[in-house]
Amino acid sequence: MNTDSIENLRKRLADFAECRDWDQFHSPKNLSMALIAEVGELIEHFQWLTEEQSHSLAQDKKDQVAMELADIFIYLIRIADKLGVDLVDSANKKILINESRYPIEKVRGKAGRASEFIS
């Protein structure tokens, strides 16, 4: 099975949930709550690490982080599917918004909120 697109993953996840009769539990609210839990599990892998250590994880730790990222991605896809949101289209729209909110000439090399860069 070709699983190299978000649409293929969406279908596979929908089938997975449907075959197990889990769709009844997959409301946007419940999926959002599960997503937050998975993000917390991801954060645990980086808690107490230095910036440098967070960039150079041991392979076993990197494998664990990859599984947490996969869980997060899965929940994002399921929430979007339940709400009829095209994630790729939405991400592209958000990038356009961010490009105008964070103009290169004002933000290059700086971290901050968009409101800090309004003149």
N, C-alpha and C. Protein backbone atom coordinates (compact mmCIF):
# COMPACT_ATOMS: atom_id res chain seq x y z
N MET A 1 0.84 -1.18 0.00
CA MET A 1 0.00 0.00 0.00
C MET A 1 0.88 1.24 0.00
N ASN A 2 0.59 2.16 -0.91
CA ASN A 2 1.32 3.42 -0.99
C ASN A 2 0.81 4.36 0.11
N THR A 3 1.70 4.73 1.02
CA THR A 3 1.30 5.59 2.14
C THR A 3 2.08 6.89 2.16
N ASP A 4 2.55 7.33 0.98
CA ASP A 4 3.41 8.50 0.95
C ASP A 4 2.69 9.81 0.68
N SER A 5 1.40 9.88 0.97
CA SER A 5 0.68 11.15 0.85
C SER A 5 -0.26 11.29 2.05
N ILE A 6 -0.58 12.52 2.35
CA ILE A 6 -1.50 12.77 3.46
C ILE A 6 -2.86 12.14 3.16
N GLU A 7 -3.29 12.22 1.93
CA GLU A 7 -4.60 11.64 1.58
C GLU A 7 -4.60 10.13 1.80
N ASN A 8 -3.53 9.46 1.42
CA ASN A 8 -3.45 8.01 1.65
C ASN A 8 -3.44 7.70 3.14
N LEU A 9 -2.72 8.50 3.91
CA LEU A 9 -2.71 8.31 5.37
C LEU A 9 -4.11 8.57 5.95
N ARG A 10 -4.77 9.61 5.47
CA ARG A 10 -6.12 9.91 5.95
C ARG A 10 -7.05 8.72 5.75
N LYS A 11 -7.02 8.17 4.55
CA LYS A 11 -7.87 7.01 4.24
C LYS A 11 -7.49 5.81 5.11
N ARG A 12 -6.21 5.56 5.25
CA ARG A 12 -5.76 4.42 6.05
C ARG A 12 -6.18 4.57 7.51
N LEU A 13 -6.04 5.78 8.05
CA LEU A 13 -6.45 6.02 9.44
C LEU A 13 -7.96 5.92 9.61
N ALA A 14 -8.70 6.43 8.65
CA ALA A 14 -10.17 6.32 8.72
C ALA A 14 -10.59 4.86 8.68
N ASP A 15 -9.97 4.08 7.82
CA ASP A 15 -10.27 2.64 7.74
C ASP A 15 -9.89 1.94 9.04
N PHE A 16 -8.74 2.27 9.58
CA PHE A 16 -8.27 1.68 10.84
C PHE A 16 -9.30 1.91 11.95
N ALA A 17 -9.76 3.14 12.08
CA ALA A 17 -10.74 3.48 13.13
C ALA A 17 -12.08 2.81 12.86
N GLU A 18 -12.51 2.83 11.61
CA GLU A 18 -13.82 2.25 11.27
C GLU A 18 -13.85 0.75 11.53
N CYS A 19 -12.81 0.03 11.14
CA CYS A 19 -12.76 -1.42 11.34
C CYS A 19 -12.82 -1.80 12.82
N ARG A 20 -12.36 -0.93 13.67
CA ARG A 20 -12.33 -1.20 15.11
C ARG A 20 -13.51 -0.57 15.85
N ASP A 21 -14.40 0.05 15.09
CA ASP A 21 -15.55 0.76 15.64
C ASP A 21 -15.11 1.84 16.63
N TRP A 22 -14.01 2.51 16.30
CA TRP A 22 -13.49 3.58 17.16
C TRP A 22 -13.95 4.96 16.70
N ASP A 23 -14.55 5.01 15.52
CA ASP A 23 -14.99 6.30 15.01
C ASP A 23 -15.93 7.00 15.99
N GLN A 24 -16.68 6.21 16.73
CA GLN A 24 -17.60 6.77 17.73
C GLN A 24 -16.87 7.58 18.80
N PHE A 25 -15.59 7.31 19.00
CA PHE A 25 -14.80 8.01 20.01
C PHE A 25 -13.99 9.17 19.43
N HIS A 26 -13.93 9.23 18.10
CA HIS A 26 -13.05 10.18 17.44
C HIS A 26 -13.75 11.49 17.10
N SER A 27 -14.26 12.15 18.10
CA SER A 27 -14.82 13.48 17.90
C SER A 27 -13.65 14.48 17.83
N PRO A 28 -13.85 15.63 17.22
CA PRO A 28 -12.78 16.62 17.23
C PRO A 28 -12.30 16.95 18.65
N LYS A 29 -13.22 17.01 19.60
CA LYS A 29 -12.85 17.29 21.00
C LYS A 29 -11.94 16.19 21.54
N ASN A 30 -12.33 14.94 21.40
CA ASN A 30 -11.54 13.84 21.93
C ASN A 30 -10.19 13.72 21.23
N LEU A 31 -10.20 13.90 19.92
CA LEU A 31 -8.94 13.82 19.18
C LEU A 31 -8.00 14.96 19.58
N SER A 32 -8.56 16.14 19.82
CA SER A 32 -7.73 17.28 20.26
C SER A 32 -7.11 17.01 21.62
N MET A 33 -7.89 16.41 22.50
CA MET A 33 -7.37 16.08 23.83
C MET A 33 -6.26 15.03 23.72
N ALA A 34 -6.46 14.04 22.86
CA ALA A 34 -5.43 13.02 22.66
C ALA A 34 -4.17 13.64 22.05
N LEU A 35 -4.36 14.60 21.15
CA LEU A 35 -3.24 15.29 20.54
C LEU A 35 -2.39 16.00 21.60
N ILE A 36 -3.04 16.69 22.50
CA ILE A 36 -2.31 17.38 23.57
C ILE A 36 -1.52 16.39 24.42
N ALA A 37 -2.11 15.25 24.71
CA ALA A 37 -1.41 14.23 25.50
C ALA A 37 -0.15 13.76 24.76
N GLU A 38 -0.27 13.57 23.45
CA GLU A 38 0.90 13.13 22.67
C GLU A 38 1.97 14.20 22.61
N VAL A 39 1.57 15.46 22.50
CA VAL A 39 2.54 16.56 22.52
C VAL A 39 3.28 16.56 23.86
N GLY A 40 2.55 16.30 24.94
CA GLY A 40 3.19 16.21 26.26
C GLY A 40 4.22 15.09 26.30
N GLU A 41 3.89 13.96 25.68
CA GLU A 41 4.84 12.85 25.64
C GLU A 41 6.08 13.22 24.83
N LEU A 42 5.90 13.99 23.76
CA LEU A 42 7.05 14.46 22.99
C LEU A 42 7.93 15.37 23.84
N ILE A 43 7.31 16.29 24.54
CA ILE A 43 8.05 17.24 25.37
C ILE A 43 8.89 16.52 26.42
N GLU A 44 8.37 15.43 26.98
CA GLU A 44 9.11 14.69 28.00
C GLU A 44 10.48 14.25 27.52
N HIS A 45 10.61 13.98 26.23
CA HIS A 45 11.90 13.53 25.69
C HIS A 45 12.94 14.65 25.70
N PHE A 46 12.49 15.89 25.71
CA PHE A 46 13.41 17.03 25.64
C PHE A 46 13.56 17.76 26.97
N GLN A 47 12.69 17.42 27.92
CA GLN A 47 12.75 18.07 29.22
C GLN A 47 14.12 17.84 29.84
N TRP A 48 14.70 18.88 30.34
CA TRP A 48 15.98 18.89 31.03
C TRP A 48 17.19 18.77 30.12
N LEU A 49 16.99 18.68 28.82
CA LEU A 49 18.13 18.66 27.91
C LEU A 49 18.58 20.08 27.62
N THR A 50 19.85 20.22 27.31
CA THR A 50 20.34 21.51 26.84
C THR A 50 19.92 21.66 25.37
N GLU A 51 20.09 22.87 24.85
CA GLU A 51 19.80 23.09 23.42
C GLU A 51 20.65 22.14 22.57
N GLU A 52 21.92 22.05 22.90
CA GLU A 52 22.83 21.18 22.14
C GLU A 52 22.39 19.72 22.21
N GLN A 53 22.06 19.25 23.41
CA GLN A 53 21.63 17.86 23.57
C GLN A 53 20.35 17.58 22.77
N SER A 54 19.47 18.57 22.69
CA SER A 54 18.22 18.36 21.95
C SER A 54 18.45 18.19 20.45
N HIS A 55 19.60 18.66 19.97
CA HIS A 55 19.95 18.52 18.56
C HIS A 55 20.70 17.23 18.26
N SER A 56 21.19 16.56 19.27
CA SER A 56 22.03 15.38 19.03
C SER A 56 21.54 14.20 19.87
N LEU A 57 20.33 13.77 19.60
CA LEU A 57 19.74 12.65 20.34
C LEU A 57 20.40 11.34 19.92
N ALA A 58 20.53 10.44 20.87
CA ALA A 58 20.98 9.09 20.56
C ALA A 58 19.92 8.43 19.67
N GLN A 59 20.33 7.47 18.87
CA GLN A 59 19.40 6.87 17.90
C GLN A 59 18.16 6.28 18.56
N ASP A 60 18.32 5.61 19.70
CA ASP A 60 17.14 5.03 20.36
C ASP A 60 16.18 6.12 20.82
N LYS A 61 16.71 7.23 21.30
CA LYS A 61 15.87 8.36 21.72
C LYS A 61 15.21 9.00 20.49
N LYS A 62 15.97 9.12 19.41
CA LYS A 62 15.41 9.68 18.18
C LYS A 62 14.28 8.80 17.65
N ASP A 63 14.42 7.49 17.77
CA ASP A 63 13.36 6.57 17.35
C ASP A 63 12.11 6.76 18.20
N GLN A 64 12.29 6.97 19.49
CA GLN A 64 11.14 7.22 20.37
C GLN A 64 10.46 8.54 20.02
N VAL A 65 11.26 9.56 19.76
CA VAL A 65 10.72 10.86 19.36
C VAL A 65 9.95 10.73 18.04
N ALA A 66 10.50 9.94 17.12
CA ALA A 66 9.82 9.73 15.84
C ALA A 66 8.43 9.12 16.04
N MET A 67 8.30 8.21 16.98
CA MET A 67 6.99 7.60 17.25
C MET A 67 6.03 8.60 17.88
N GLU A 68 6.53 9.48 18.72
CA GLU A 68 5.67 10.54 19.29
C GLU A 68 5.23 11.51 18.20
N LEU A 69 6.15 11.87 17.31
CA LEU A 69 5.80 12.74 16.19
C LEU A 69 4.76 12.08 15.29
N ALA A 70 4.90 10.77 15.10
CA ALA A 70 3.92 10.04 14.29
C ALA A 70 2.55 10.09 14.95
N ASP A 71 2.49 9.89 16.27
CA ASP A 71 1.21 9.98 16.99
C ASP A 71 0.58 11.35 16.81
N ILE A 72 1.39 12.39 16.93
CA ILE A 72 0.90 13.76 16.77
C ILE A 72 0.36 13.96 15.36
N PHE A 73 1.11 13.52 14.38
CA PHE A 73 0.70 13.64 12.98
C PHE A 73 -0.61 12.90 12.72
N ILE A 74 -0.71 11.70 13.27
CA ILE A 74 -1.93 10.90 13.11
C ILE A 74 -3.14 11.63 13.68
N TYR A 75 -3.01 12.18 14.88
CA TYR A 75 -4.13 12.90 15.47
C TYR A 75 -4.47 14.16 14.68
N LEU A 76 -3.48 14.86 14.17
CA LEU A 76 -3.76 16.03 13.33
C LEU A 76 -4.56 15.64 12.09
N ILE A 77 -4.14 14.56 11.47
CA ILE A 77 -4.84 14.09 10.27
C ILE A 77 -6.28 13.70 10.60
N ARG A 78 -6.46 13.00 11.72
CA ARG A 78 -7.81 12.57 12.10
C ARG A 78 -8.72 13.76 12.43
N ILE A 79 -8.19 14.76 13.15
CA ILE A 79 -8.99 15.94 13.47
C ILE A 79 -9.38 16.66 12.17
N ALA A 80 -8.41 16.85 11.31
CA ALA A 80 -8.69 17.53 10.04
C ALA A 80 -9.73 16.76 9.22
N ASP A 81 -9.62 15.45 9.20
CA ASP A 81 -10.57 14.62 8.48
C ASP A 81 -11.98 14.80 9.05
N LYS A 82 -12.09 14.77 10.36
CA LYS A 82 -13.40 14.91 11.01
C LYS A 82 -14.03 16.26 10.73
N LEU A 83 -13.20 17.29 10.54
CA LEU A 83 -13.71 18.64 10.32
C LEU A 83 -13.72 19.05 8.84
N GLY A 84 -13.24 18.14 7.98
CA GLY A 84 -13.21 18.45 6.55
C GLY A 84 -12.19 19.53 6.20
N VAL A 85 -11.08 19.56 6.94
CA VAL A 85 -10.04 20.55 6.71
C VAL A 85 -8.93 19.93 5.87
N ASP A 86 -8.54 20.64 4.82
CA ASP A 86 -7.40 20.22 3.99
C ASP A 86 -6.15 20.80 4.65
N LEU A 87 -5.36 19.95 5.30
CA LEU A 87 -4.19 20.42 6.03
C LEU A 87 -3.15 21.10 5.14
N VAL A 88 -2.91 20.56 3.97
CA VAL A 88 -1.91 21.14 3.08
C VAL A 88 -2.37 22.52 2.62
N ASP A 89 -3.62 22.64 2.23
CA ASP A 89 -4.15 23.93 1.82
C ASP A 89 -4.12 24.92 2.97
N SER A 90 -4.52 24.49 4.15
CA SER A 90 -4.52 25.37 5.32
C SER A 90 -3.10 25.81 5.68
N ALA A 91 -2.15 24.87 5.61
CA ALA A 91 -0.76 25.22 5.92
C ALA A 91 -0.22 26.23 4.91
N ASN A 92 -0.53 26.05 3.65
CA ASN A 92 -0.08 27.01 2.64
C ASN A 92 -0.69 28.39 2.87
N LYS A 93 -1.97 28.44 3.23
CA LYS A 93 -2.61 29.71 3.54
C LYS A 93 -1.95 30.36 4.76
N LYS A 94 -1.64 29.58 5.77
CA LYS A 94 -1.02 30.10 6.98
C LYS A 94 0.38 30.63 6.69
N ILE A 95 1.12 29.96 5.82
CA ILE A 95 2.45 30.44 5.45
C ILE A 95 2.34 31.81 4.79
N LEU A 96 1.36 31.98 3.90
CA LEU A 96 1.16 33.29 3.26
C LEU A 96 0.87 34.37 4.30
N ILE A 97 0.02 34.05 5.27
CA ILE A 97 -0.28 34.99 6.35
C ILE A 97 0.98 35.32 7.13
N ASN A 98 1.75 34.30 7.48
CA ASN A 98 2.98 34.50 8.26
C ASN A 98 4.02 35.31 7.48
N GLU A 99 4.06 35.12 6.17
CA GLU A 99 5.00 35.90 5.36
C GLU A 99 4.70 37.39 5.45
N SER A 100 3.43 37.75 5.54
CA SER A 100 3.10 39.17 5.66
C SER A 100 3.24 39.65 7.11
N ARG A 101 2.99 38.79 8.07
CA ARG A 101 3.12 39.17 9.48
C ARG A 101 4.58 39.26 9.93
N TYR A 102 5.44 38.52 9.28
CA TYR A 102 6.86 38.48 9.64
C TYR A 102 7.72 38.81 8.42
N PRO A 103 7.74 40.07 8.00
CA PRO A 103 8.53 40.43 6.81
C PRO A 103 10.03 40.21 7.06
N ILE A 104 10.68 39.65 6.09
CA ILE A 104 12.09 39.28 6.21
C ILE A 104 12.94 40.45 6.71
N GLU A 105 12.72 41.61 6.12
CA GLU A 105 13.57 42.75 6.47
C GLU A 105 13.41 43.19 7.92
N LYS A 106 12.32 42.81 8.58
CA LYS A 106 12.12 43.20 9.98
C LYS A 106 12.45 42.08 10.96
N VAL A 107 12.35 40.84 10.53
CA VAL A 107 12.45 39.73 11.49
C VAL A 107 13.68 38.86 11.35
N ARG A 108 14.43 39.02 10.29
CA ARG A 108 15.57 38.12 10.06
C ARG A 108 16.46 38.06 11.29
N GLY A 109 16.64 36.85 11.82
CA GLY A 109 17.50 36.61 12.97
C GLY A 109 16.90 37.00 14.30
N LYS A 110 15.62 37.35 14.32
CA LYS A 110 14.97 37.78 15.56
C LYS A 110 13.80 36.85 15.88
N ALA A 111 13.60 36.61 17.15
CA ALA A 111 12.44 35.84 17.60
C ALA A 111 11.48 36.79 18.30
N GLY A 112 10.22 36.63 18.06
CA GLY A 112 9.24 37.48 18.73
C GLY A 112 7.86 37.27 18.16
N ARG A 113 6.91 37.94 18.76
CA ARG A 113 5.52 37.87 18.31
C ARG A 113 5.33 38.85 17.16
N ALA A 114 4.36 38.57 16.30
CA ALA A 114 4.12 39.41 15.14
C ALA A 114 3.88 40.86 15.54
N SER A 115 3.19 41.08 16.64
CA SER A 115 2.88 42.44 17.08
C SER A 115 4.13 43.26 17.36
N GLU A 116 5.24 42.61 17.65
CA GLU A 116 6.50 43.30 17.93
C GLU A 116 7.16 43.86 16.66
N PHE A 117 6.69 43.39 15.50
CA PHE A 117 7.33 43.78 14.25
C PHE A 117 6.47 44.73 13.43
N ILE A 118 5.33 45.15 13.99
CA ILE A 118 4.46 46.10 13.30
C ILE A 118 5.02 47.49 13.50
N SER A 119 5.12 48.24 12.39
CA SER A 119 5.64 49.60 12.53
C SER A 119 4.56 50.63 12.30
